[in-house]
Amino acid sequence: MFGPSLYIGGMAGGAVGLLTQLILRHSDTHPEAFALVGMGAVFAGVVRAPVTSIIIIFEMTGNYALILPLMVANITSYAVASRLNPTPIYDALLLQDNIHLPHAEHESLSRLRVGAAMCHPVVAVPGELTVEKVISYVHLRQATGRGAGPGLVREEQSRSGQGGARPLRSERWRGREAHPSFTCG
């Protein structure tokens, strides 16, 4: 998407610049400036990223003299492309490959309760338990609806507030899969 859109935009912009120079017969018309604006406009329309397009042109040229025509062309290109096809190109490519990404829910944080954002409590277990017994204990808690919690800590660590979290990997070494959210401190 990147290279072809810049190439097509550059060629189209350069052609418009040459035609403007021929029709208006102005020697001070610069087709290369039209090419740069065309590159930015086509990229902004295809990718739907007008600000990114402006930054790319600035990075390429190191000159801010084209800011106004570039901004006008980018916003116009973005508006026309959005009107003609509301689905951006990268979203269309995902849909073409039958990949459907869930959209983020727009729930206001001002209405979100702290309890809804919290995780299940951490389950404290004695440090001398084997991994197999801990897994059985967690499965029992899940089966009874009391939840397993996102992590496991030793009882003495939960009282003192110490301990980090590291995955229970010993079950994997034995060829068995532990629950992916089991951690211990």
C-alpha atoms as a PDB file:
ATOM      1  CA  MET A   1       0.000   0.000   0.000  1.00  0.00           C
ATOM      2  CA  PHE A   2       2.762   2.398   0.908  1.00  0.00           C
ATOM      3  CA  GLY A   3       4.944   2.363  -2.199  1.00  0.00           C
ATOM      4  CA  PRO A   4       2.223   2.128  -4.844  1.00  0.00           C
ATOM      5  CA  SER A   5       0.135   4.906  -3.303  1.00  0.00           C
ATOM      6  CA  LEU A   6       3.142   7.227  -3.140  1.00  0.00           C
ATOM      7  CA  TYR A   7       4.118   6.366  -6.724  1.00  0.00           C
ATOM      8  CA  ILE A   8       0.620   6.836  -8.153  1.00  0.00           C
ATOM      9  CA  GLY A   9       0.150  10.054  -6.184  1.00  0.00           C
ATOM     10  CA  GLY A  10       3.519  11.386  -7.295  1.00  0.00           C
ATOM     11  CA  MET A  11       2.828  10.617 -10.947  1.00  0.00           C
ATOM     12  CA  ALA A  12      -0.685  12.074 -10.844  1.00  0.00           C
ATOM     13  CA  GLY A  13       0.458  15.171  -8.964  1.00  0.00           C
ATOM     14  CA  GLY A  14       3.391  15.663 -11.322  1.00  0.00           C
ATOM     15  CA  ALA A  15       1.084  15.355 -14.333  1.00  0.00           C
ATOM     16  CA  VAL A  16      -1.273  17.967 -12.871  1.00  0.00           C
ATOM     17  CA  GLY A  17       1.734  20.215 -12.232  1.00  0.00           C
ATOM     18  CA  LEU A  18       2.969  19.855 -15.823  1.00  0.00           C
ATOM     19  CA  LEU A  19      -0.517  20.507 -17.216  1.00  0.00           C
ATOM     20  CA  THR A  20      -0.843  23.573 -15.001  1.00  0.00           C
ATOM     21  CA  GLN A  21       2.528  24.812 -16.232  1.00  0.00           C
ATOM     22  CA  LEU A  22       1.578  24.251 -19.887  1.00  0.00           C
ATOM     23  CA  ILE A  23      -1.931  25.694 -19.680  1.00  0.00           C
ATOM     24  CA  LEU A  24      -1.144  28.732 -17.538  1.00  0.00           C
ATOM     25  CA  ARG A  25       2.304  29.235 -19.111  1.00  0.00           C
ATOM     26  CA  HIS A  26       3.857  30.162 -15.793  1.00  0.00           C
ATOM     27  CA  SER A  27       7.525  29.401 -15.488  1.00  0.00           C
ATOM     28  CA  ASP A  28       7.383  29.631 -11.701  1.00  0.00           C
ATOM     29  CA  THR A  29       4.986  26.648 -11.377  1.00  0.00           C
ATOM     30  CA  HIS A  30       6.882  23.703  -9.869  1.00  0.00           C
ATOM     31  CA  PRO A  31       5.572  20.275 -10.973  1.00  0.00           C
ATOM     32  CA  GLU A  32       7.707  18.605  -8.285  1.00  0.00           C
ATOM     33  CA  ALA A  33       5.698  20.420  -5.597  1.00  0.00           C
ATOM     34  CA  PHE A  34       2.507  19.128  -7.205  1.00  0.00           C
ATOM     35  CA  ALA A  35       4.050  15.637  -7.195  1.00  0.00           C
ATOM     36  CA  LEU A  36       4.740  15.837  -3.460  1.00  0.00           C
ATOM     37  CA  VAL A  37       1.243  17.096  -2.703  1.00  0.00           C
ATOM     38  CA  GLY A  38      -0.187  14.334  -4.913  1.00  0.00           C
ATOM     39  CA  MET A  39       1.843  11.713  -3.063  1.00  0.00           C
ATOM     40  CA  GLY A  40       0.507  12.911   0.257  1.00  0.00           C
ATOM     41  CA  ALA A  41      -3.073  13.201  -0.955  1.00  0.00           C
ATOM     42  CA  VAL A  42      -3.253   9.713  -2.466  1.00  0.00           C
ATOM     43  CA  PHE A  43      -1.598   8.160   0.578  1.00  0.00           C
ATOM     44  CA  ALA A  44      -4.019   9.997   2.889  1.00  0.00           C
ATOM     45  CA  GLY A  45      -6.989   8.776   0.857  1.00  0.00           C
ATOM     46  CA  VAL A  46      -5.865   5.159   0.564  1.00  0.00           C
ATOM     47  CA  VAL A  47      -4.625   4.599   4.098  1.00  0.00           C
ATOM     48  CA  ARG A  48      -6.970   7.118   5.753  1.00  0.00           C
ATOM     49  CA  ALA A  49      -4.120   8.729   7.645  1.00  0.00           C
ATOM     50  CA  PRO A  50      -3.892  12.396   6.633  1.00  0.00           C
ATOM     51  CA  VAL A  51      -1.610  13.476   9.482  1.00  0.00           C
ATOM     52  CA  THR A  52       0.765  10.579   8.827  1.00  0.00           C
ATOM     53  CA  SER A  53       0.861  11.598   5.194  1.00  0.00           C
ATOM     54  CA  ILE A  54       1.818  15.162   6.100  1.00  0.00           C
ATOM     55  CA  ILE A  55       4.593  13.936   8.392  1.00  0.00           C
ATOM     56  CA  ILE A  56       5.931  11.586   5.690  1.00  0.00           C
ATOM     57  CA  ILE A  57       6.169  14.415   3.159  1.00  0.00           C
ATOM     58  CA  PHE A  58       7.875  16.650   5.723  1.00  0.00           C
ATOM     59  CA  GLU A  59      10.371  13.890   6.527  1.00  0.00           C
ATOM     60  CA  MET A  60      11.095  13.332   2.837  1.00  0.00           C
ATOM     61  CA  THR A  61      11.590  16.988   1.965  1.00  0.00           C
ATOM     62  CA  GLY A  62      12.744  18.592   5.195  1.00  0.00           C
ATOM     63  CA  ASN A  63      10.714  21.632   4.128  1.00  0.00           C
ATOM     64  CA  TYR A  64       7.484  23.045   5.512  1.00  0.00           C
ATOM     65  CA  ALA A  65       6.715  25.295   2.533  1.00  0.00           C
ATOM     66  CA  LEU A  66       4.025  22.908   1.245  1.00  0.00           C
ATOM     67  CA  ILE A  67       2.069  22.680   4.496  1.00  0.00           C
ATOM     68  CA  LEU A  68      -1.054  24.535   3.383  1.00  0.00           C
ATOM     69  CA  PRO A  69      -1.570  22.861  -0.024  1.00  0.00           C
ATOM     70  CA  LEU A  70      -0.669  19.499   1.505  1.00  0.00           C
ATOM     71  CA  MET A  71      -3.197  19.894   4.319  1.00  0.00           C
ATOM     72  CA  VAL A  72      -5.965  20.996   1.945  1.00  0.00           C
ATOM     73  CA  ALA A  73      -5.233  18.141  -0.478  1.00  0.00           C
ATOM     74  CA  ASN A  74      -5.032  15.556   2.321  1.00  0.00           C
ATOM     75  CA  ILE A  75      -8.292  16.567   3.966  1.00  0.00           C
ATOM     76  CA  THR A  76     -10.052  16.681   0.592  1.00  0.00           C
ATOM     77  CA  SER A  77      -8.664  13.272  -0.360  1.00  0.00           C
ATOM     78  CA  TYR A  78      -9.599  11.814   3.018  1.00  0.00           C
ATOM     79  CA  ALA A  79     -13.159  13.167   2.805  1.00  0.00           C
ATOM     80  CA  VAL A  80     -13.701  11.949  -0.765  1.00  0.00           C
ATOM     81  CA  ALA A  81     -12.258   8.495  -0.021  1.00  0.00           C
ATOM     82  CA  SER A  82     -14.366   8.153   3.137  1.00  0.00           C
ATOM     83  CA  ARG A  83     -17.471   9.126   1.206  1.00  0.00           C
ATOM     84  CA  LEU A  84     -16.800   6.737  -1.702  1.00  0.00           C
ATOM     85  CA  ASN A  85     -15.841   3.769   0.459  1.00  0.00           C
ATOM     86  CA  PRO A  86     -16.386   3.962   4.229  1.00  0.00           C
ATOM     87  CA  THR A  87     -14.195   0.891   4.882  1.00  0.00           C
ATOM     88  CA  PRO A  88     -10.481   1.735   5.150  1.00  0.00           C
ATOM     89  CA  ILE A  89      -8.120  -0.339   2.987  1.00  0.00           C
ATOM     90  CA  TYR A  90      -6.516  -2.275   5.830  1.00  0.00           C
ATOM     91  CA  ASP A  91      -9.922  -3.180   7.291  1.00  0.00           C
ATOM     92  CA  ALA A  92     -11.076  -4.264   3.819  1.00  0.00           C
ATOM     93  CA  LEU A  93      -8.028  -6.520   3.467  1.00  0.00           C
ATOM     94  CA  LEU A  94      -8.803  -8.147   6.809  1.00  0.00           C
ATOM     95  CA  LEU A  95     -12.433  -8.692   5.806  1.00  0.00           C
ATOM     96  CA  GLN A  96     -11.299 -10.126   2.461  1.00  0.00           C
ATOM     97  CA  ASP A  97      -9.245 -12.702   4.366  1.00  0.00           C
ATOM     98  CA  ASN A  98     -12.282 -13.420   6.581  1.00  0.00           C
ATOM     99  CA  ILE A  99     -10.627 -11.934   9.668  1.00  0.00           C
ATOM    100  CA  HIS A 100     -13.140 -10.177  11.874  1.00  0.00           C
ATOM    101  CA  LEU A 101     -11.660  -8.179  14.715  1.00  0.00           C
ATOM    102  CA  PRO A 102     -13.968  -7.184  17.552  1.00  0.00           C
ATOM    103  CA  HIS A 103     -14.581  -3.483  17.895  1.00  0.00           C
ATOM    104  CA  ALA A 104     -13.744  -1.849  21.185  1.00  0.00           C
ATOM    105  CA  GLU A 105     -16.715  -1.055  23.340  1.00  0.00           C
ATOM    106  CA  HIS A 106     -17.092   2.633  23.931  1.00  0.00           C
ATOM    107  CA  GLU A 107     -18.080   2.500  27.568  1.00  0.00           C
ATOM    108  CA  SER A 108     -17.448   5.688  29.438  1.00  0.00           C
ATOM    109  CA  LEU A 109     -15.029   5.377  32.320  1.00  0.00           C
ATOM    110  CA  SER A 110     -17.199   7.759  34.304  1.00  0.00           C
ATOM    111  CA  ARG A 111     -19.923   5.082  34.416  1.00  0.00           C
ATOM    112  CA  LEU A 112     -17.589   2.119  35.009  1.00  0.00           C
ATOM    113  CA  ARG A 113     -17.632   0.826  38.588  1.00  0.00           C
ATOM    114  CA  VAL A 114     -14.391  -0.224  40.236  1.00  0.00           C
ATOM    115  CA  GLY A 115     -15.809  -3.650  41.039  1.00  0.00           C
ATOM    116  CA  ALA A 116     -16.467  -4.314  37.360  1.00  0.00           C
ATOM    117  CA  ALA A 117     -12.857  -3.531  36.473  1.00  0.00           C
ATOM    118  CA  MET A 118     -11.308  -5.653  39.237  1.00  0.00           C
ATOM    119  CA  CYS A 119     -10.004  -9.169  38.771  1.00  0.00           C
ATOM    120  CA  HIS A 120     -10.908 -12.120  40.923  1.00  0.00           C
ATOM    121  CA  PRO A 121      -9.075 -12.223  44.230  1.00  0.00           C
ATOM    122  CA  VAL A 122      -5.758 -14.008  44.403  1.00  0.00           C
ATOM    123  CA  VAL A 123      -6.014 -17.457  45.978  1.00  0.00           C
ATOM    124  CA  ALA A 124      -3.564 -18.019  48.841  1.00  0.00           C
ATOM    125  CA  VAL A 125      -2.367 -21.611  49.231  1.00  0.00           C
ATOM    126  CA  PRO A 126       0.156 -23.199  51.584  1.00  0.00           C
ATOM    127  CA  GLY A 127       3.655 -23.244  50.069  1.00  0.00           C
ATOM    128  CA  GLU A 128       4.201 -26.940  50.792  1.00  0.00           C
ATOM    129  CA  LEU A 129       1.399 -28.111  48.453  1.00  0.00           C
ATOM    130  CA  THR A 130       2.402 -29.881  45.263  1.00  0.00           C
ATOM    131  CA  VAL A 131       1.519 -28.366  41.912  1.00  0.00           C
ATOM    132  CA  GLU A 132      -0.877 -31.230  41.243  1.00  0.00           C
ATOM    133  CA  LYS A 133      -2.794 -30.531  44.467  1.00  0.00           C
ATOM    134  CA  VAL A 134      -2.899 -26.805  43.704  1.00  0.00           C
ATOM    135  CA  ILE A 135      -4.334 -27.507  40.245  1.00  0.00           C
ATOM    136  CA  SER A 136      -6.951 -29.832  41.761  1.00  0.00           C
ATOM    137  CA  TYR A 137      -7.788 -27.161  44.345  1.00  0.00           C
ATOM    138  CA  VAL A 138      -8.186 -24.490  41.674  1.00  0.00           C
ATOM    139  CA  HIS A 139     -10.346 -26.745  39.488  1.00  0.00           C
ATOM    140  CA  LEU A 140     -12.533 -27.467  42.515  1.00  0.00           C
ATOM    141  CA  ARG A 141     -12.925 -23.713  43.172  1.00  0.00           C
ATOM    142  CA  GLN A 142     -13.850 -23.168  39.525  1.00  0.00           C
ATOM    143  CA  ALA A 143     -16.367 -26.014  39.586  1.00  0.00           C
ATOM    144  CA  THR A 144     -18.074 -24.610  42.680  1.00  0.00           C
ATOM    145  CA  GLY A 145     -18.279 -21.151  41.129  1.00  0.00           C
ATOM    146  CA  ARG A 146     -15.928 -19.531  43.627  1.00  0.00           C
ATOM    147  CA  GLY A 147     -13.361 -18.768  40.915  1.00  0.00           C
ATOM    148  CA  ALA A 148      -9.690 -19.587  40.880  1.00  0.00           C
ATOM    149  CA  GLY A 149      -8.298 -16.120  40.772  1.00  0.00           C
ATOM    150  CA  PRO A 150      -5.725 -14.919  38.313  1.00  0.00           C
ATOM    151  CA  GLY A 151      -2.869 -15.888  40.593  1.00  0.00           C
ATOM    152  CA  LEU A 152      -1.742 -18.104  43.412  1.00  0.00           C
ATOM    153  CA  VAL A 153       0.511 -17.030  46.275  1.00  0.00           C
ATOM    154  CA  ARG A 154       1.819 -18.715  49.362  1.00  0.00           C
ATOM    155  CA  GLU A 155      -0.172 -17.878  52.476  1.00  0.00           C
ATOM    156  CA  GLU A 156       2.772 -16.227  54.229  1.00  0.00           C
ATOM    157  CA  GLN A 157       3.385 -13.990  51.189  1.00  0.00           C
ATOM    158  CA  SER A 158      -0.252 -12.933  51.017  1.00  0.00           C
ATOM    159  CA  ARG A 159      -0.112 -11.891  54.678  1.00  0.00           C
ATOM    160  CA  SER A 160       3.118  -9.915  54.267  1.00  0.00           C
ATOM    161  CA  GLY A 161       2.261  -8.460  50.838  1.00  0.00           C
ATOM    162  CA  GLN A 162       5.435  -9.897  49.310  1.00  0.00           C
ATOM    163  CA  GLY A 163       6.040 -11.958  46.260  1.00  0.00           C
ATOM    164  CA  GLY A 164       5.982 -11.480  42.567  1.00  0.00           C
ATOM    165  CA  ALA A 165       4.302 -13.712  40.063  1.00  0.00           C
ATOM    166  CA  ARG A 166       5.883 -16.419  37.972  1.00  0.00           C
ATOM    167  CA  PRO A 167       4.100 -19.024  35.843  1.00  0.00           C
ATOM    168  CA  LEU A 168       3.689 -22.568  37.051  1.00  0.00           C
ATOM    169  CA  ARG A 169       6.008 -24.160  34.521  1.00  0.00           C
ATOM    170  CA  SER A 170       6.725 -27.479  36.234  1.00  0.00           C
ATOM    171  CA  GLU A 171       3.547 -29.027  34.817  1.00  0.00           C
ATOM    172  CA  ARG A 172       4.680 -28.162  31.303  1.00  0.00           C
ATOM    173  CA  TRP A 173       8.026 -29.818  31.946  1.00  0.00           C
ATOM    174  CA  ARG A 174       6.178 -33.000  32.824  1.00  0.00           C
ATOM    175  CA  GLY A 175       4.207 -32.833  29.570  1.00  0.00           C
ATOM    176  CA  ARG A 176       0.978 -31.604  31.143  1.00  0.00           C
ATOM    177  CA  GLU A 177      -0.526 -28.196  30.517  1.00  0.00           C
ATOM    178  CA  ALA A 178      -1.320 -26.101  33.535  1.00  0.00           C
ATOM    179  CA  HIS A 179      -4.029 -23.484  33.370  1.00  0.00           C
ATOM    180  CA  PRO A 180      -2.472 -20.538  31.470  1.00  0.00           C
ATOM    181  CA  SER A 181      -3.428 -18.002  34.142  1.00  0.00           C
ATOM    182  CA  PHE A 182      -1.897 -19.910  37.059  1.00  0.00           C
ATOM    183  CA  THR A 183       0.904 -17.955  38.606  1.00  0.00           C
ATOM    184  CA  CYS A 184       2.570 -18.225  41.927  1.00  0.00           C
ATOM    185  CA  GLY A 185       4.490 -15.810  44.070  1.00  0.00           C
END
